[in-house]
N, C-alpha and C. Protein backbone atom coordinates (compact mmCIF):
# COMPACT_ATOMS: atom_id res chain seq x y z
N UNK A 1 -83.14 5.25 -200.59
CA UNK A 1 -83.58 4.66 -202.06
C UNK A 1 -83.27 3.33 -201.84
N UNK A 2 -84.51 2.65 -202.50
CA UNK A 2 -83.95 0.95 -203.06
C UNK A 2 -83.36 1.10 -203.94
N UNK A 3 -82.29 0.20 -203.62
CA UNK A 3 -81.43 -0.10 -204.49
C UNK A 3 -82.12 -1.53 -205.46
N UNK A 4 -81.56 -1.61 -206.51
CA UNK A 4 -81.62 -2.77 -207.45
C UNK A 4 -80.72 -3.52 -207.80
N UNK A 5 -81.29 -4.79 -207.84
CA UNK A 5 -80.57 -5.93 -208.05
C UNK A 5 -80.91 -6.42 -209.74
N UNK A 6 -79.66 -6.81 -210.53
CA UNK A 6 -79.75 -6.74 -211.86
C UNK A 6 -78.87 -7.89 -211.95
N UNK A 7 -79.39 -9.09 -212.81
CA UNK A 7 -79.20 -10.57 -212.56
C UNK A 7 -78.68 -10.87 -214.59
N UNK A 8 -77.34 -11.67 -214.64
CA UNK A 8 -77.00 -11.68 -216.30
C UNK A 8 -77.07 -13.01 -216.42
N UNK A 9 -77.62 -13.07 -217.63
CA UNK A 9 -77.84 -14.82 -218.06
C UNK A 9 -76.72 -14.60 -219.23
N UNK A 10 -76.51 -15.67 -219.92
CA UNK A 10 -75.49 -15.57 -221.33
C UNK A 10 -76.16 -17.35 -222.09
N UNK A 11 -76.62 -16.09 -223.35
CA UNK A 11 -77.16 -17.19 -224.28
C UNK A 11 -76.81 -17.37 -225.66
N UNK A 12 -77.12 -18.27 -226.39
CA UNK A 12 -76.49 -18.25 -227.64
C UNK A 12 -77.81 -18.74 -228.38
N UNK A 13 -77.71 -17.37 -229.65
CA UNK A 13 -78.90 -17.72 -230.81
C UNK A 13 -78.08 -17.34 -231.57
N UNK A 14 -79.23 -17.93 -233.01
CA UNK A 14 -78.21 -18.19 -234.47
C UNK A 14 -79.33 -18.20 -235.39
N UNK A 15 -79.25 -17.42 -236.76
CA UNK A 15 -79.78 -16.86 -237.83
C UNK A 15 -79.61 -17.44 -239.01
N UNK A 16 -80.48 -17.24 -240.31
CA UNK A 16 -79.52 -17.27 -241.23
C UNK A 16 -79.71 -15.87 -241.96
N UNK A 17 -80.10 -15.13 -241.17
CA UNK A 17 -80.42 -13.85 -242.03
C UNK A 17 -79.06 -12.42 -241.71
N UNK A 18 -79.03 -12.70 -240.24
CA UNK A 18 -77.67 -11.77 -239.78
C UNK A 18 -77.52 -11.58 -238.41
N UNK A 19 -76.42 -11.36 -237.80
CA UNK A 19 -75.88 -10.82 -236.43
C UNK A 19 -76.92 -10.04 -235.95
N UNK A 20 -77.72 -9.12 -236.38
CA UNK A 20 -78.76 -8.63 -235.65
C UNK A 20 -80.26 -9.40 -235.70
N UNK A 21 -80.41 -10.36 -236.57
CA UNK A 21 -81.40 -11.19 -236.23
C UNK A 21 -81.30 -12.21 -235.43
N UNK A 22 -80.08 -12.86 -235.03
CA UNK A 22 -79.69 -13.64 -234.21
C UNK A 22 -79.54 -12.56 -232.91
N UNK A 23 -79.87 -11.72 -232.64
CA UNK A 23 -79.33 -11.18 -231.74
C UNK A 23 -80.89 -10.57 -230.75
N UNK A 24 -82.03 -10.12 -231.57
CA UNK A 24 -83.02 -10.08 -231.67
C UNK A 24 -83.82 -11.99 -230.89
N UNK A 25 -83.29 -12.64 -232.03
CA UNK A 25 -83.72 -14.07 -231.34
C UNK A 25 -83.00 -14.47 -230.01
N UNK A 26 -82.49 -13.97 -229.45
CA UNK A 26 -81.74 -14.20 -228.43
C UNK A 26 -82.55 -13.60 -227.26
N UNK A 27 -82.97 -12.39 -227.28
CA UNK A 27 -83.61 -11.54 -226.52
C UNK A 27 -85.21 -12.15 -226.39
N UNK A 28 -86.00 -12.43 -227.85
CA UNK A 28 -87.22 -12.32 -227.93
C UNK A 28 -87.58 -14.20 -227.09
N UNK A 29 -86.29 -14.74 -227.07
CA UNK A 29 -86.18 -15.95 -226.80
C UNK A 29 -86.33 -16.07 -225.29
N UNK A 30 -85.39 -15.46 -224.90
CA UNK A 30 -85.34 -15.00 -223.12
C UNK A 30 -86.53 -14.84 -222.87
N UNK A 31 -86.87 -13.23 -223.09
CA UNK A 31 -87.39 -12.61 -222.77
C UNK A 31 -89.58 -13.52 -222.31
N UNK A 32 -89.48 -14.74 -223.09
CA UNK A 32 -90.30 -16.00 -222.91
C UNK A 32 -90.57 -16.43 -221.49
N UNK A 33 -89.12 -16.33 -220.40
CA UNK A 33 -88.82 -16.75 -219.24
C UNK A 33 -88.63 -15.93 -218.02
N UNK A 34 -87.77 -14.68 -219.16
CA UNK A 34 -87.21 -13.76 -218.10
C UNK A 34 -88.12 -12.25 -218.40
N UNK A 35 -88.53 -11.81 -217.33
CA UNK A 35 -88.77 -10.48 -217.39
C UNK A 35 -88.27 -9.38 -217.02
N UNK A 36 -88.39 -7.96 -217.40
CA UNK A 36 -87.70 -7.13 -216.89
C UNK A 36 -86.07 -6.55 -217.84
N UNK A 37 -86.09 -7.21 -218.78
CA UNK A 37 -84.59 -7.44 -219.42
C UNK A 37 -84.99 -5.79 -220.03
N UNK A 38 -83.16 -5.14 -219.42
CA UNK A 38 -82.83 -4.10 -219.79
C UNK A 38 -81.69 -3.61 -220.59
N UNK A 39 -80.65 -4.83 -220.86
CA UNK A 39 -79.61 -4.64 -221.60
C UNK A 39 -79.46 -6.24 -222.53
N UNK A 40 -78.73 -5.94 -223.62
CA UNK A 40 -78.07 -7.26 -224.29
C UNK A 40 -76.50 -6.35 -224.63
N UNK A 41 -75.61 -7.45 -224.50
CA UNK A 41 -74.34 -6.99 -224.88
C UNK A 41 -74.02 -8.50 -225.50
N UNK A 42 -73.37 -8.01 -227.12
CA UNK A 42 -72.80 -9.18 -227.31
C UNK A 42 -71.34 -9.46 -227.41
N UNK A 43 -71.46 -10.26 -226.27
CA UNK A 43 -70.07 -10.78 -226.33
C UNK A 43 -69.24 -11.80 -227.08
N UNK A 44 -69.95 -12.37 -228.12
CA UNK A 44 -69.10 -12.77 -229.66
C UNK A 44 -70.05 -13.19 -230.43
N UNK A 45 -69.55 -12.88 -231.79
CA UNK A 45 -70.55 -12.87 -233.16
C UNK A 45 -69.29 -14.24 -234.12
N UNK A 46 -70.39 -15.03 -234.10
CA UNK A 46 -69.52 -16.55 -235.66
C UNK A 46 -70.24 -16.40 -236.86
N UNK A 47 -69.77 -16.53 -237.26
CA UNK A 47 -70.47 -17.14 -238.73
C UNK A 47 -70.10 -18.24 -239.60
N UNK A 48 -70.75 -19.25 -239.97
CA UNK A 48 -70.90 -20.65 -240.08
C UNK A 48 -70.69 -20.42 -242.16
N UNK A 49 -69.39 -21.16 -242.21
CA UNK A 49 -68.87 -20.77 -243.61
C UNK A 49 -69.43 -22.19 -244.59
N UNK A 50 -69.76 -22.14 -245.67
CA UNK A 50 -70.09 -23.38 -246.59
C UNK A 50 -69.60 -23.25 -247.91
N UNK A 51 -68.98 -23.74 -248.86
CA UNK A 51 -68.54 -23.46 -250.29
C UNK A 51 -68.50 -21.79 -250.18
N UNK A 52 -67.75 -21.41 -249.48
CA UNK A 52 -67.48 -20.05 -249.41
C UNK A 52 -68.36 -19.11 -249.61
N UNK A 53 -69.19 -19.10 -248.94
CA UNK A 53 -70.84 -18.36 -248.55
C UNK A 53 -71.01 -18.54 -246.94
N UNK A 54 -71.02 -17.49 -246.48
CA UNK A 54 -72.14 -17.86 -244.92
C UNK A 54 -73.27 -18.27 -245.35
N UNK A 55 -73.59 -19.17 -244.49
CA UNK A 55 -74.72 -19.82 -244.28
C UNK A 55 -75.70 -19.49 -243.10
N UNK A 56 -75.15 -19.14 -241.61
CA UNK A 56 -75.43 -18.42 -240.56
C UNK A 56 -74.76 -17.53 -239.65
N UNK A 57 -75.27 -17.21 -239.11
CA UNK A 57 -74.75 -16.29 -237.90
C UNK A 57 -75.03 -16.72 -236.30
N UNK A 58 -74.07 -16.54 -235.77
CA UNK A 58 -74.69 -17.08 -234.17
C UNK A 58 -73.88 -15.72 -233.42
N UNK A 59 -74.43 -15.63 -232.52
CA UNK A 59 -74.12 -14.55 -231.26
C UNK A 59 -74.40 -15.64 -230.12
N UNK A 60 -72.81 -14.80 -229.30
CA UNK A 60 -73.49 -15.06 -227.44
C UNK A 60 -73.63 -13.60 -227.07
N UNK A 61 -74.44 -13.76 -226.06
CA UNK A 61 -75.15 -12.57 -225.71
C UNK A 61 -74.88 -12.16 -224.52
N UNK A 62 -74.95 -11.29 -223.56
CA UNK A 62 -75.14 -11.67 -222.48
C UNK A 62 -76.74 -10.46 -222.12
N UNK A 63 -77.19 -11.35 -221.18
CA UNK A 63 -78.46 -10.08 -221.60
C UNK A 63 -78.84 -9.60 -219.72
N UNK A 64 -79.68 -8.73 -219.76
CA UNK A 64 -79.20 -8.56 -218.25
C UNK A 64 -80.93 -7.67 -217.93
N UNK A 65 -81.27 -8.51 -216.28
CA UNK A 65 -82.54 -7.98 -216.24
C UNK A 65 -82.83 -7.98 -215.12
N UNK A 66 -83.74 -7.04 -214.30
CA UNK A 66 -84.02 -6.60 -213.15
C UNK A 66 -84.26 -7.79 -212.11
N UNK A 67 -84.03 -7.54 -210.81
CA UNK A 67 -84.45 -9.17 -209.95
C UNK A 67 -85.52 -8.15 -208.92
N UNK A 68 -86.74 -8.71 -209.04
CA UNK A 68 -87.76 -8.10 -208.10
C UNK A 68 -87.08 -8.84 -206.43
């Protein structure tokens, strides 16, 4: 049985709409140069606040992909 090798990269992405969109942006951007993405693990979430309102959402995400 062939063993698979998985590599993990860490990226930061942001959105003005929410954490879910920030996560999707992270995956979409990584997929431009990385193939075989299998999972994303959101390690950290942050929000920027101005005048008592959230103005942007950011995630630090670990993206896992299989290596050929």
